[in-house]
Amino acid sequence: MKIIIDDLKGDEIKALLQEHLADMLSSSPPESVHTLDISALRGPDITFWSLWVKDDLAGCIALKEIDPAHGEIKSMRTCRSYIRQGIATELLGHILKVAANRSYTKISLETGSMAAFIPARSLYERFGFKECPPFDKYKKDPNSLFMTKDISLSHTLSSTIKL
């Protein structure tokens, strides 16, 4: 298993992102879909990774810098043939390490509020994400749920060291 920074030029990643968009549109009204297209994912404020198992694309994730202390998870997706094999866990763990290395103090995300998104929300909750109000340019939306995680050094130290 390897995670690489992806240039978004490969056919496999393009197909996965098209599948991701189609799936989001099938679960949410268009005005509530916040999936970024490939050109937006290539923006200077976004880093995009793909996860490979041997020569097979297994998933992807992106990290958008909102400001020097705050990142947002975007475009997290597991290929259908790799669902429930730990790919999302690997990707989420990777992005949290990167965010900490960038000295972010928090990382946030937007996901759907409908039943189709329960597995994703459960994963985020296992990693310590909590519901929060809309952040950055998001607006309150009954089809969206916003989550954030404090990853500041002081929070990490206080939660791991018992006094």
Protein backbone atom coordinates (compact mmCIF):
# COMPACT_ATOMS: atom_id res chain seq x y z
CA MET A 1 0.00 0.00 0.00
CA LYS A 2 1.38 3.42 -0.93
CA ILE A 3 0.01 6.95 -0.75
CA ILE A 4 1.34 9.43 -3.30
CA ILE A 5 0.74 13.04 -4.24
CA ASP A 6 -1.29 12.70 -7.41
CA ASP A 7 -1.19 15.06 -10.41
CA LEU A 8 -4.80 14.13 -11.34
CA LYS A 9 -3.81 13.21 -14.91
CA GLY A 10 -4.34 9.44 -14.81
CA ASP A 11 -7.44 7.81 -16.24
CA GLU A 12 -8.04 5.82 -13.04
CA ILE A 13 -8.17 8.89 -10.82
CA LYS A 14 -10.35 10.77 -13.31
CA ALA A 15 -12.80 7.85 -13.34
CA LEU A 16 -12.84 7.65 -9.53
CA LEU A 17 -13.56 11.37 -9.23
CA GLN A 18 -16.36 11.09 -11.81
CA GLU A 19 -17.82 8.19 -9.81
CA HIS A 20 -17.52 10.30 -6.65
CA LEU A 21 -19.41 13.21 -8.22
CA ALA A 22 -22.13 10.92 -9.63
CA ASP A 23 -22.56 9.28 -6.23
CA MET A 24 -22.80 12.65 -4.46
CA LEU A 25 -25.40 13.84 -6.99
CA SER A 26 -27.42 10.66 -6.47
CA SER A 27 -27.47 11.22 -2.69
CA SER A 28 -27.82 15.01 -2.43
CA PRO A 29 -29.54 17.82 -4.32
CA PRO A 30 -27.12 19.59 -6.71
CA GLU A 31 -27.04 22.78 -4.63
CA SER A 32 -25.80 20.73 -1.65
CA VAL A 33 -22.99 18.96 -3.50
CA HIS A 34 -19.64 20.55 -2.65
CA THR A 35 -17.43 18.16 -4.64
CA LEU A 36 -14.56 19.92 -6.42
CA ASP A 37 -13.80 19.28 -10.07
CA ILE A 38 -10.31 18.32 -11.26
CA SER A 39 -9.28 21.88 -12.10
CA ALA A 40 -10.25 23.05 -8.59
CA LEU A 41 -8.42 20.07 -7.04
CA ARG A 42 -5.27 21.26 -8.85
CA GLY A 43 -5.48 24.64 -7.10
CA PRO A 44 -2.47 25.99 -5.21
CA ASP A 45 -4.29 25.66 -1.87
CA ILE A 46 -5.01 21.92 -2.34
CA THR A 47 -2.84 18.83 -2.07
CA PHE A 48 -4.33 15.65 -3.56
CA TRP A 49 -3.24 12.10 -2.75
CA SER A 50 -4.13 8.71 -4.16
CA LEU A 51 -3.68 5.39 -2.39
CA TRP A 52 -2.51 2.39 -4.39
CA VAL A 53 -2.50 -1.31 -3.57
CA LYS A 54 0.16 -2.72 -5.88
CA ASP A 55 -0.94 -1.28 -9.26
CA ASP A 56 -4.60 -0.74 -8.30
CA LEU A 57 -6.04 2.61 -7.33
CA ALA A 58 -7.82 2.07 -4.02
CA GLY A 59 -8.79 5.59 -2.94
CA CYS A 60 -8.08 9.29 -2.77
CA ILE A 61 -8.24 12.30 -0.49
CA ALA A 62 -7.40 16.01 -0.67
CA LEU A 63 -6.45 18.66 1.85
CA LYS A 64 -7.42 22.26 1.23
CA GLU A 65 -5.71 25.01 3.21
CA ILE A 66 -8.36 27.42 4.48
CA ASP A 67 -5.75 29.45 6.36
CA PRO A 68 -2.32 28.70 7.88
CA ALA A 69 -3.94 27.02 10.92
CA HIS A 70 -7.01 25.36 9.36
CA GLY A 71 -7.35 22.63 6.74
CA GLU A 72 -10.36 21.04 5.10
CA ILE A 73 -10.70 17.44 3.92
CA LYS A 74 -12.03 17.20 0.37
CA SER A 75 -12.76 14.41 -2.12
CA MET A 76 -12.25 11.43 0.18
CA ARG A 77 -13.25 8.35 -1.78
CA THR A 78 -12.60 4.61 -1.67
CA CYS A 79 -12.86 2.54 -4.86
CA ARG A 80 -15.82 0.17 -4.72
CA SER A 81 -13.60 -2.93 -4.87
CA TYR A 82 -11.71 -1.75 -1.76
CA ILE A 83 -14.60 -0.69 0.48
CA ARG A 84 -14.31 -1.96 4.08
CA GLN A 85 -10.66 -2.86 3.68
CA GLY A 86 -9.19 0.00 5.71
CA ILE A 87 -8.48 2.37 2.81
CA ALA A 88 -10.47 5.29 4.24
CA THR A 89 -8.81 4.78 7.63
CA GLU A 90 -5.35 4.89 6.01
CA LEU A 91 -6.21 8.03 4.03
CA LEU A 92 -7.70 9.82 7.01
CA GLY A 93 -4.71 8.91 9.21
CA HIS A 94 -2.36 10.18 6.50
CA ILE A 95 -4.09 13.51 6.10
CA LEU A 96 -4.19 14.09 9.87
CA LYS A 97 -0.41 13.55 10.03
CA VAL A 98 0.12 15.97 7.15
CA ALA A 99 -2.13 18.56 8.80
CA ALA A 100 -0.19 18.25 12.06
CA ASN A 101 3.13 18.57 10.17
CA ARG A 102 1.79 21.76 8.59
CA SER A 103 1.06 23.06 12.11
CA TYR A 104 -2.67 23.27 11.54
CA THR A 105 -4.61 23.57 14.78
CA LYS A 106 -7.81 22.18 13.33
CA ILE A 107 -9.09 20.24 10.37
CA SER A 108 -12.70 20.33 9.20
CA LEU A 109 -14.97 18.75 6.63
CA GLU A 110 -18.42 18.89 5.10
CA THR A 111 -20.38 15.70 4.52
CA GLY A 112 -23.97 14.78 3.84
CA SER A 113 -26.59 14.65 6.56
CA MET A 114 -28.55 11.82 4.92
CA ALA A 115 -28.42 8.10 5.77
CA ALA A 116 -26.07 7.36 2.85
CA PHE A 117 -23.35 9.29 4.69
CA ILE A 118 -23.61 7.46 8.04
CA PRO A 119 -20.55 5.23 7.37
CA ALA A 120 -18.39 8.28 6.58
CA ARG A 121 -19.64 10.19 9.63
CA SER A 122 -18.99 7.16 11.84
CA LEU A 123 -15.41 6.99 10.58
CA TYR A 124 -14.86 10.68 11.26
CA GLU A 125 -16.32 10.32 14.76
CA ARG A 126 -13.95 7.41 15.49
CA PHE A 127 -11.09 9.77 14.63
CA GLY A 128 -12.42 12.40 17.05
CA PHE A 129 -14.27 14.73 14.70
CA LYS A 130 -17.23 16.58 16.25
CA GLU A 131 -20.16 18.36 14.64
CA CYS A 132 -19.65 22.10 14.22
CA PRO A 133 -21.31 25.08 12.55
CA PRO A 134 -20.58 25.83 8.88
CA PHE A 135 -17.01 27.04 8.37
CA ASP A 136 -15.13 28.98 5.68
CA LYS A 137 -17.59 29.81 2.86
CA TYR A 138 -20.21 27.17 3.70
CA LYS A 139 -23.74 28.16 4.64
CA LYS A 140 -26.20 26.30 6.84
CA ASP A 141 -27.81 23.55 4.74
CA PRO A 142 -30.15 20.79 5.93
CA ASN A 143 -28.36 18.38 3.57
CA SER A 144 -24.90 19.12 4.97
CA LEU A 145 -23.24 18.21 8.22
CA PHE A 146 -20.04 19.98 9.26
CA MET A 147 -17.38 18.39 11.45
CA THR A 148 -14.07 19.55 12.89
CA LYS A 149 -11.19 18.16 14.92
CA ASP A 150 -8.81 20.11 17.12
CA ILE A 151 -5.28 18.96 16.29
CA SER A 152 -3.37 21.65 18.14
CA LEU A 153 -0.31 20.56 20.08
CA SER A 154 -1.82 21.61 23.41
CA HIS A 155 -4.95 19.55 22.74
CA THR A 156 -2.90 16.53 21.70
CA LEU A 157 -0.67 16.75 24.77
CA SER A 158 -3.53 17.24 27.22
CA SER A 159 -5.46 14.31 25.80
CA THR A 160 -2.50 11.91 25.87
CA ILE A 161 -0.75 12.85 29.11
CA LYS A 162 -2.53 11.97 32.34
CA LEU A 163 -1.66 14.37 35.16
